[in-house]
Amino acid sequence: MKNISILGATGSIGTQTLDVIRSSNNEIKLIGVSANSSVEKIKEIINEFNPKYVAMMDEESSKVIKRYCLDNNLKIEVYSGIEGLEKIATLEEIDMVLTSVVGMIGLRPTIKAIEAKKDIALANKETLVVAGELVMKKAKEMGVDILPVDSEHSAIFQALNGYTENDVSKIILTASGGPFRGKDNEYLKSVTVNDALKHPKWNMGQKISIDSATLMNKGLEVIEAHFLFNCPYENIEVVVHPQSIIHSMVEYNDASVIAQLGSTDMKLPIQYAINKKERKHAIAKKLNFYEIGALTFEKPDLETFKCLKLAYKAGKEGGLAPCILNGANEEAVSLLLEEKIKFLQVSEIIEEALENFKEEKSKEVNLENVIELDKKVREYIRVRWN
C-alpha cells in the first residue's frame, strides 16, 4: 500500500490521478487532498475516497468543507491557506506527494515535503523553474526522489532508465505546437482568448493551455529539464511534433536516439511516477500504428513565439532570471484571460520584466529571495498594465 497526498486534486492532473488510484487494485491510498475553492468536487472526493485530511486555499471554502464534514459525521481534519497545503504535504502517514497545483504557489509545500522526506511526483513545473537549484539540492540532501509527471519529462525519465547523464548527447523535448502552429505575427494580432484555449491535443486548465499557445509551456519545460536531468541548455532541443505520439527523446553519445511513445493520456506518466518506475497494468489506450500513419517534425518559430526564446535566455542567465520569467508570465497570462491585453503582449510583458529587474538576477537562489522577487515582479506588472 502506498499512501499519497494530492496538491491540486480537482484540476486536470489531480482528476486523472484519482483515476489512477481507482485502477490501482487498492495499492494506492489517498490520505490528503487540497484544492483552491472547488467545494463540490472536494465533496465528491471525500464521499468516494474518504481522505483523512483536506486543505482549501480559500478560507470560506474551508469553512464550507468543515461544516460538511461535521454535518455528515466525517472524521476529516480540514485546513486552509498555504499552511494547509504545507500540512497536507508533510503528513506523517504519507509516502509521496503529487503536486499538481498550478503556478508559483507549489514551491513552499514542495520544499516542506522534501524536508519531511516525502518523495515528490512533480506536475508543477514552476517549482523547478523558479527555484530548481534550491529544490534539487535539498532533494539530494534529504535522499528524496523527484519523479516527473509532465508527459515530456516522464518520457525523458523513461528513456534515461539504465543510463547516466555522461551517456547523453542531447535531450529532445517534443511540442505539439499548440493551436497557432504555423501562424505568423500578423495572424496572432487578432486572435482571442478563446482561440488560444483551444489546444489541438491535450485537455488542460486555462493557464497551461495559454502557455501552450505561446510556447511558454515548452520554455518552462526546458528549464525544468535542465534541473531534473542536469543537462546544459545547449543540449536541450525543442522539436514540434503535432501528432503528440512521441512525448520526448534522448540522443546518446553514439548517435542512438531512444524515444518514449504513447497515447495522449496523462494517466500513463502519473501511474509511472506514483509507482516509482514500476510498470503496472495498462491504464492508457494502446497505440495502433496503422491508425497513426505518419509522424512529422518541425523546427519551432522562435521569432513568432518569443516566449520560448525568452525562456532559453532566462535559463542560461541563471540565478533568479527564471523566477522573473515565471512571475511575469503568470501575471501576463492572468491579464490575457481577463482580456486586458492581447495575445502578443504576453511576450512583451515578460521581456520588459526581464529587463526591468536585471539587477536582481544575480541574487542567491533561496526561498526568501524567490518569494520576494516574485512578488515585486507581479506588483510591477499589475501597476504597469492594469
Protein backbone atom coordinates (compact mmCIF):
# COMPACT_ATOMS: atom_id res chain seq x y z
CA MET A 1 0.00 0.00 0.00
CA LYS A 2 1.32 3.45 -0.99
CA ASN A 3 -0.15 6.42 0.87
CA ILE A 4 -0.24 9.72 -1.03
CA SER A 5 -1.41 13.32 -0.84
CA ILE A 6 -2.52 15.27 -3.90
CA LEU A 7 -1.96 19.01 -4.02
CA GLY A 8 -4.45 20.30 -6.58
CA ALA A 9 -6.83 17.35 -6.56
CA THR A 10 -9.61 18.97 -8.60
CA GLY A 11 -7.57 20.11 -11.60
CA SER A 12 -6.79 18.15 -14.76
CA ILE A 13 -3.79 16.25 -13.35
CA GLY A 14 -5.38 15.76 -9.95
CA THR A 15 -8.56 14.37 -11.50
CA GLN A 16 -6.60 11.91 -13.63
CA THR A 17 -4.55 10.90 -10.59
CA LEU A 18 -7.83 9.89 -8.96
CA ASP A 19 -8.44 7.64 -11.99
CA VAL A 20 -5.03 6.04 -11.41
CA ILE A 21 -5.94 5.41 -7.77
CA ARG A 22 -9.28 3.87 -8.79
CA SER A 23 -7.49 1.43 -11.09
CA SER A 24 -4.73 0.51 -8.61
CA ASN A 25 -6.44 -2.51 -7.02
CA ASN A 26 -6.27 -0.77 -3.64
CA GLU A 27 -2.47 -0.45 -3.85
CA ILE A 28 -2.70 3.36 -3.53
CA LYS A 29 -4.46 5.10 -0.64
CA LEU A 30 -5.45 8.77 -0.78
CA ILE A 31 -4.69 10.32 2.60
CA GLY A 32 -4.71 14.07 1.91
CA VAL A 33 -6.11 16.37 -0.77
CA SER A 34 -6.06 20.07 -1.48
CA ALA A 35 -7.97 22.42 -3.75
CA ASN A 36 -8.42 26.14 -4.15
CA SER A 37 -12.18 26.67 -3.89
CA SER A 38 -13.82 23.72 -5.72
CA VAL A 39 -16.13 22.78 -2.87
CA GLU A 40 -18.45 20.45 -4.78
CA LYS A 41 -15.59 18.49 -6.34
CA ILE A 42 -13.91 18.08 -2.96
CA LYS A 43 -17.18 16.79 -1.50
CA GLU A 44 -17.26 14.16 -4.25
CA ILE A 45 -13.67 13.16 -3.46
CA ILE A 46 -14.48 12.94 0.24
CA ASN A 47 -17.50 10.73 -0.43
CA GLU A 48 -15.55 8.36 -2.67
CA PHE A 49 -12.07 8.22 -1.15
CA ASN A 50 -12.61 9.27 2.47
CA PRO A 51 -9.24 11.05 2.90
CA LYS A 52 -8.17 11.88 6.45
CA TYR A 53 -7.13 15.45 5.63
CA VAL A 54 -8.38 18.22 3.33
CA ALA A 55 -6.89 21.67 2.67
CA MET A 56 -8.65 24.51 0.85
CA MET A 57 -6.66 27.57 -0.17
CA ASP A 58 -9.79 29.71 0.05
CA GLU A 59 -10.80 30.38 3.67
CA GLU A 60 -14.54 30.46 3.01
CA SER A 61 -14.38 27.19 1.07
CA SER A 62 -12.54 25.65 4.00
CA LYS A 63 -15.40 26.64 6.31
CA VAL A 64 -17.93 25.06 3.95
CA ILE A 65 -15.99 21.77 3.92
CA LYS A 66 -15.63 21.81 7.71
CA ARG A 67 -19.39 22.22 8.05
CA TYR A 68 -20.00 19.44 5.53
CA CYS A 69 -17.78 17.07 7.48
CA LEU A 70 -19.47 17.93 10.77
CA ASP A 71 -22.97 17.56 9.32
CA ASN A 72 -22.08 14.14 7.92
CA ASN A 73 -20.15 12.97 10.99
CA LEU A 74 -16.94 12.61 8.97
CA LYS A 75 -13.70 12.48 10.93
CA ILE A 76 -11.70 14.58 8.50
CA GLU A 77 -9.32 17.35 9.51
CA VAL A 78 -9.76 20.46 7.36
CA TYR A 79 -7.13 23.17 6.87
CA SER A 80 -6.89 26.39 4.87
CA GLY A 81 -4.39 28.65 3.11
CA ILE A 82 -0.77 27.95 2.22
CA GLU A 83 -0.28 26.50 5.71
CA GLY A 84 -2.95 23.95 4.85
CA LEU A 85 -1.10 22.92 1.70
CA GLU A 86 2.09 22.53 3.71
CA LYS A 87 0.25 20.37 6.26
CA ILE A 88 -1.14 18.09 3.53
CA ALA A 89 2.36 17.84 2.01
CA THR A 90 4.08 16.77 5.22
CA LEU A 91 1.67 14.27 6.79
CA GLU A 92 3.45 11.54 8.71
CA GLU A 93 1.26 8.82 7.13
CA ILE A 94 2.16 9.57 3.51
CA ASP A 95 4.96 8.23 1.33
CA MET A 96 4.57 10.60 -1.61
CA VAL A 97 3.14 13.98 -2.56
CA LEU A 98 1.78 14.52 -6.05
CA THR A 99 1.94 18.25 -6.57
CA SER A 100 -0.27 19.45 -9.40
CA VAL A 101 -1.20 22.94 -8.25
CA VAL A 102 -0.66 25.50 -10.99
CA GLY A 103 1.96 28.19 -10.65
CA MET A 104 4.40 29.54 -8.09
CA ILE A 105 2.16 28.50 -5.19
CA GLY A 106 3.53 24.95 -5.40
CA LEU A 107 7.03 25.93 -4.27
CA ARG A 108 6.65 26.21 -0.49
CA PRO A 109 4.67 22.99 0.09
CA THR A 110 7.04 21.08 -2.19
CA ILE A 111 10.08 22.23 -0.22
CA LYS A 112 8.30 21.39 3.04
CA ALA A 113 7.50 17.91 1.69
CA ILE A 114 11.14 17.36 0.72
CA GLU A 115 12.27 18.46 4.19
CA ALA A 116 9.81 15.90 5.60
CA LYS A 117 11.49 13.27 3.38
CA LYS A 118 8.47 12.67 1.17
CA ASP A 119 9.02 11.59 -2.43
CA ILE A 120 7.63 14.06 -4.96
CA ALA A 121 5.60 13.25 -8.06
CA LEU A 122 6.04 16.62 -9.74
CA ALA A 123 3.45 18.06 -12.10
CA ASN A 124 4.03 21.65 -11.00
CA LYS A 125 6.83 22.73 -13.34
CA GLU A 126 7.03 26.24 -11.88
CA THR A 127 8.60 24.83 -8.70
CA LEU A 128 11.76 23.89 -10.59
CA VAL A 129 11.63 26.92 -12.88
CA VAL A 130 11.76 29.47 -10.07
CA ALA A 131 14.00 27.58 -7.66
CA GLY A 132 15.39 24.49 -9.38
CA GLU A 133 18.85 24.94 -7.90
CA LEU A 134 17.43 25.07 -4.36
CA VAL A 135 14.89 22.25 -4.81
CA MET A 136 17.26 19.73 -6.41
CA LYS A 137 19.98 20.43 -3.83
CA LYS A 138 17.54 19.92 -0.98
CA ALA A 139 16.14 16.72 -2.53
CA LYS A 140 19.66 15.31 -2.77
CA GLU A 141 20.43 16.25 0.83
CA MET A 142 17.24 14.59 2.10
CA GLY A 143 17.51 11.50 -0.10
CA VAL A 144 14.18 12.28 -1.77
CA ASP A 145 13.17 11.15 -5.26
CA ILE A 146 11.62 13.73 -7.58
CA LEU A 147 9.64 11.85 -10.21
CA PRO A 148 8.38 13.90 -13.16
CA VAL A 149 4.71 13.73 -14.14
CA ASP A 150 4.77 16.01 -17.21
CA SER A 151 4.49 13.73 -20.24
CA GLU A 152 7.69 15.16 -21.76
CA HIS A 153 9.83 14.81 -18.64
CA SER A 154 8.37 11.40 -17.88
CA ALA A 155 9.36 10.36 -21.40
CA ILE A 156 12.94 11.52 -20.81
CA PHE A 157 12.95 9.86 -17.40
CA GLN A 158 11.89 6.59 -19.02
CA ALA A 159 14.37 6.90 -21.90
CA LEU A 160 17.21 7.52 -19.43
CA ASN A 161 16.45 4.39 -17.40
CA GLY A 162 19.70 2.41 -17.15
CA TYR A 163 21.93 5.25 -18.37
CA THR A 164 23.73 8.19 -16.77
CA GLU A 165 23.99 11.84 -17.80
CA ASN A 166 27.51 11.12 -19.11
CA ASP A 167 25.98 8.87 -21.79
CA VAL A 168 23.72 11.66 -23.09
CA SER A 169 24.45 13.86 -26.07
CA LYS A 170 21.14 15.72 -26.22
CA ILE A 171 17.62 15.85 -24.76
CA ILE A 172 14.86 16.42 -27.30
CA LEU A 173 11.60 17.85 -25.97
CA THR A 174 8.64 17.46 -28.29
CA ALA A 175 5.93 20.11 -28.59
CA SER A 176 2.53 19.87 -30.24
CA GLY A 177 2.88 23.44 -31.49
CA GLY A 178 -0.38 24.48 -29.82
CA PRO A 179 -3.42 25.96 -31.56
CA PHE A 180 -1.39 28.53 -33.54
CA ARG A 181 1.24 26.25 -35.07
CA GLY A 182 2.39 27.69 -38.40
CA LYS A 183 0.76 31.09 -37.85
CA ASP A 184 2.65 34.39 -38.13
CA ASN A 185 2.60 37.62 -36.14
CA GLU A 186 0.06 39.23 -38.43
CA TYR A 187 -2.40 36.41 -37.76
CA LEU A 188 -1.70 36.42 -34.00
CA LYS A 189 -2.53 40.13 -33.68
CA SER A 190 -6.24 39.36 -33.87
CA VAL A 191 -6.57 36.03 -32.02
CA THR A 192 -8.87 35.85 -28.99
CA VAL A 193 -8.50 34.21 -25.59
CA ASN A 194 -10.94 31.50 -26.67
CA ASP A 195 -8.80 30.80 -29.73
CA ALA A 196 -5.74 30.39 -27.51
CA LEU A 197 -7.56 28.00 -25.17
CA LYS A 198 -8.39 25.52 -27.95
CA HIS A 199 -5.50 23.08 -27.66
CA PRO A 200 -5.50 20.56 -30.54
CA LYS A 201 -4.37 17.54 -28.50
CA TRP A 202 -4.49 17.93 -24.72
CA ASN A 203 -7.31 18.78 -22.32
CA MET A 204 -5.67 21.13 -19.82
CA GLY A 205 -6.50 24.00 -17.49
CA GLN A 206 -6.66 27.59 -18.74
CA LYS A 207 -3.20 28.69 -17.64
CA ILE A 208 -1.39 25.72 -19.16
CA SER A 209 -3.47 26.00 -22.35
CA ILE A 210 -2.38 29.62 -22.80
CA ASP A 211 1.23 28.66 -22.06
CA SER A 212 0.98 26.02 -24.76
CA ALA A 213 -0.37 28.56 -27.24
CA THR A 214 2.55 30.96 -26.57
CA LEU A 215 5.07 28.05 -26.36
CA MET A 216 5.99 29.28 -22.87
CA ASN A 217 4.91 25.87 -21.60
CA LYS A 218 7.76 24.39 -23.61
CA GLY A 219 10.11 27.09 -22.38
CA LEU A 220 9.30 26.25 -18.78
CA GLU A 221 9.85 22.58 -19.60
CA VAL A 222 13.31 23.39 -20.99
CA ILE A 223 14.28 24.99 -17.67
CA GLU A 224 12.73 22.12 -15.74
CA ALA A 225 14.62 19.56 -17.85
CA HIS A 226 17.87 21.40 -17.18
CA PHE A 227 17.45 20.88 -13.43
CA LEU A 228 15.81 17.44 -13.46
CA PHE A 229 18.42 15.85 -15.71
CA ASN A 230 21.44 18.11 -15.07
CA CYS A 231 21.63 18.89 -18.78
CA PRO A 232 23.18 22.08 -20.26
CA TYR A 233 20.73 24.33 -22.10
CA GLU A 234 22.82 23.98 -25.25
CA ASN A 235 21.98 20.26 -25.21
CA ILE A 236 18.20 20.67 -24.83
CA GLU A 237 16.39 20.88 -28.15
CA VAL A 238 12.71 21.53 -28.85
CA VAL A 239 11.07 19.84 -31.82
CA VAL A 240 7.48 20.49 -32.89
CA HIS A 241 5.69 17.16 -33.29
CA PRO A 242 1.98 17.86 -33.94
CA GLN A 243 0.81 14.25 -33.55
CA SER A 244 1.98 14.22 -29.89
CA ILE A 245 2.74 10.50 -30.07
CA ILE A 246 6.46 10.79 -29.26
CA HIS A 247 6.49 12.51 -25.88
CA SER A 248 10.23 13.23 -25.89
CA MET A 249 13.57 11.65 -26.79
CA VAL A 250 17.15 11.25 -25.62
CA GLU A 251 20.05 11.24 -28.06
CA TYR A 252 23.10 9.34 -26.77
CA ASN A 253 26.80 9.78 -27.47
CA ASP A 254 26.78 7.01 -30.07
CA ALA A 255 24.03 8.87 -32.05
CA SER A 256 21.33 6.43 -30.95
CA VAL A 257 18.00 8.06 -30.07
CA ILE A 258 15.62 6.49 -27.57
CA ALA A 259 12.05 7.80 -27.63
CA GLN A 260 9.01 7.16 -25.47
CA LEU A 261 5.74 6.87 -27.35
CA GLY A 262 2.20 6.68 -26.04
CA SER A 263 -1.33 7.94 -26.43
CA THR A 264 -2.17 11.49 -25.33
CA ASP A 265 -3.22 10.41 -21.86
CA MET A 266 -1.64 11.85 -18.72
CA LYS A 267 -2.63 8.83 -16.66
CA LEU A 268 0.37 6.93 -18.07
CA PRO A 269 3.09 9.28 -16.70
CA ILE A 270 1.11 9.75 -13.47
CA GLN A 271 0.99 5.99 -12.93
CA TYR A 272 4.71 5.62 -13.75
CA ALA A 273 5.68 8.34 -11.26
CA ILE A 274 3.47 7.14 -8.40
CA ASN A 275 4.78 3.59 -8.82
CA LYS A 276 8.39 4.84 -8.96
CA LYS A 277 9.22 3.33 -12.36
CA GLU A 278 7.43 0.02 -11.74
CA ARG A 279 5.28 -0.79 -14.77
CA LYS A 280 1.72 -1.78 -13.87
CA HIS A 281 -1.34 -2.70 -15.94
CA ALA A 282 -2.24 -0.55 -18.95
CA ILE A 283 -4.33 2.42 -17.93
CA ALA A 284 -3.96 4.40 -21.16
CA LYS A 285 -5.22 3.48 -24.62
CA LYS A 286 -2.67 1.42 -26.53
CA LEU A 287 -1.24 2.79 -29.76
CA ASN A 288 -2.39 1.48 -33.11
CA PHE A 289 0.43 2.30 -35.52
CA TYR A 290 -1.71 1.51 -38.56
CA GLU A 291 -4.10 4.27 -37.50
CA ILE A 292 -1.33 6.76 -36.73
CA GLY A 293 0.11 6.55 -40.22
CA ALA A 294 2.78 9.27 -40.10
CA LEU A 295 4.85 11.17 -37.56
CA THR A 296 6.14 14.62 -38.54
CA PHE A 297 8.63 17.07 -37.04
CA GLU A 298 9.23 20.82 -37.42
CA LYS A 299 11.56 23.46 -36.09
CA PRO A 300 9.88 25.90 -33.66
CA ASP A 301 9.47 29.50 -34.81
CA LEU A 302 11.31 31.42 -32.09
CA GLU A 303 10.70 34.83 -33.64
CA THR A 304 6.93 34.49 -33.73
CA PHE A 305 6.70 32.57 -30.45
CA LYS A 306 9.16 34.66 -28.45
CA CYS A 307 8.25 33.12 -25.09
CA LEU A 308 10.29 30.00 -25.86
CA LYS A 309 13.27 32.15 -26.86
CA LEU A 310 12.93 34.20 -23.65
CA ALA A 311 12.83 31.03 -21.55
CA TYR A 312 16.11 29.81 -23.05
CA LYS A 313 17.62 33.25 -22.39
CA ALA A 314 16.48 33.35 -18.75
CA GLY A 315 17.59 29.78 -18.16
CA LYS A 316 21.08 30.45 -19.48
CA GLU A 317 21.35 33.65 -17.41
CA GLY A 318 20.51 31.55 -14.35
CA GLY A 319 20.17 32.88 -10.82
CA LEU A 320 16.77 34.47 -10.34
CA ALA A 321 16.15 35.19 -14.03
CA PRO A 322 13.80 32.18 -14.39
CA CYS A 323 11.90 33.45 -11.32
CA ILE A 324 11.35 36.78 -13.09
CA LEU A 325 10.33 34.98 -16.27
CA ASN A 326 7.79 32.81 -14.44
CA GLY A 327 6.23 35.56 -12.34
CA ALA A 328 5.89 37.83 -15.38
CA ASN A 329 4.37 35.03 -17.41
CA GLU A 330 1.81 34.11 -14.74
CA GLU A 331 0.67 37.72 -14.45
CA ALA A 332 0.62 38.21 -18.22
CA VAL A 333 -1.49 35.08 -18.68
CA SER A 334 -3.91 36.32 -16.00
CA LEU A 335 -4.19 39.66 -17.80
CA LEU A 336 -4.85 37.87 -21.08
CA LEU A 337 -7.54 35.67 -19.52
CA GLU A 338 -9.13 38.83 -18.09
CA GLU A 339 -8.98 40.25 -21.66
CA LYS A 340 -6.94 43.25 -20.52
CA ILE A 341 -4.14 42.57 -23.00
CA LYS A 342 -3.75 40.96 -26.44
CA PHE A 343 -2.09 37.62 -27.13
CA LEU A 344 1.19 39.04 -28.47
CA GLN A 345 1.56 41.29 -25.44
CA VAL A 346 2.30 38.28 -23.23
CA SER A 347 5.86 38.02 -24.55
CA GLU A 348 6.25 41.83 -24.50
CA ILE A 349 5.43 41.91 -20.78
CA ILE A 350 7.86 39.10 -19.98
CA GLU A 351 10.68 40.71 -21.96
CA GLU A 352 10.06 44.04 -20.24
CA ALA A 353 10.14 42.41 -16.80
CA LEU A 354 13.41 40.60 -17.51
CA GLU A 355 14.95 43.94 -18.48
CA ASN A 356 13.41 45.93 -15.62
CA PHE A 357 14.61 43.52 -12.94
CA LYS A 358 18.01 42.69 -14.45
CA GLU A 359 19.83 43.90 -11.32
CA GLU A 360 18.02 41.25 -9.27
CA LYS A 361 19.01 38.26 -11.42
CA SER A 362 22.32 37.51 -9.73
CA LYS A 363 20.95 37.28 -6.17
CA GLU A 364 21.22 33.98 -4.31
CA VAL A 365 18.51 31.43 -5.13
CA ASN A 366 16.90 30.91 -1.74
CA LEU A 367 13.26 30.75 -0.69
CA GLU A 368 13.16 34.27 0.74
CA ASN A 369 14.67 35.89 -2.37
CA VAL A 370 12.47 33.90 -4.73
CA ILE A 371 9.25 34.82 -2.93
CA GLU A 372 10.25 38.48 -2.54
CA LEU A 373 11.26 38.92 -6.18
CA ASP A 374 8.21 37.07 -7.46
CA LYS A 375 6.01 39.49 -5.50
CA LYS A 376 7.90 42.52 -6.88
CA VAL A 377 7.55 41.33 -10.47
CA ARG A 378 3.82 40.73 -10.12
CA GLU A 379 3.17 44.09 -8.47
CA TYR A 380 5.15 45.88 -11.16
CA ILE A 381 3.18 44.22 -13.97
CA ARG A 382 -0.20 44.80 -12.32
CA VAL A 383 0.53 48.52 -11.86
CA ARG A 384 2.11 48.88 -15.30
CA TRP A 385 -0.53 47.05 -17.34
CA ASN A 386 -3.82 47.39 -15.46
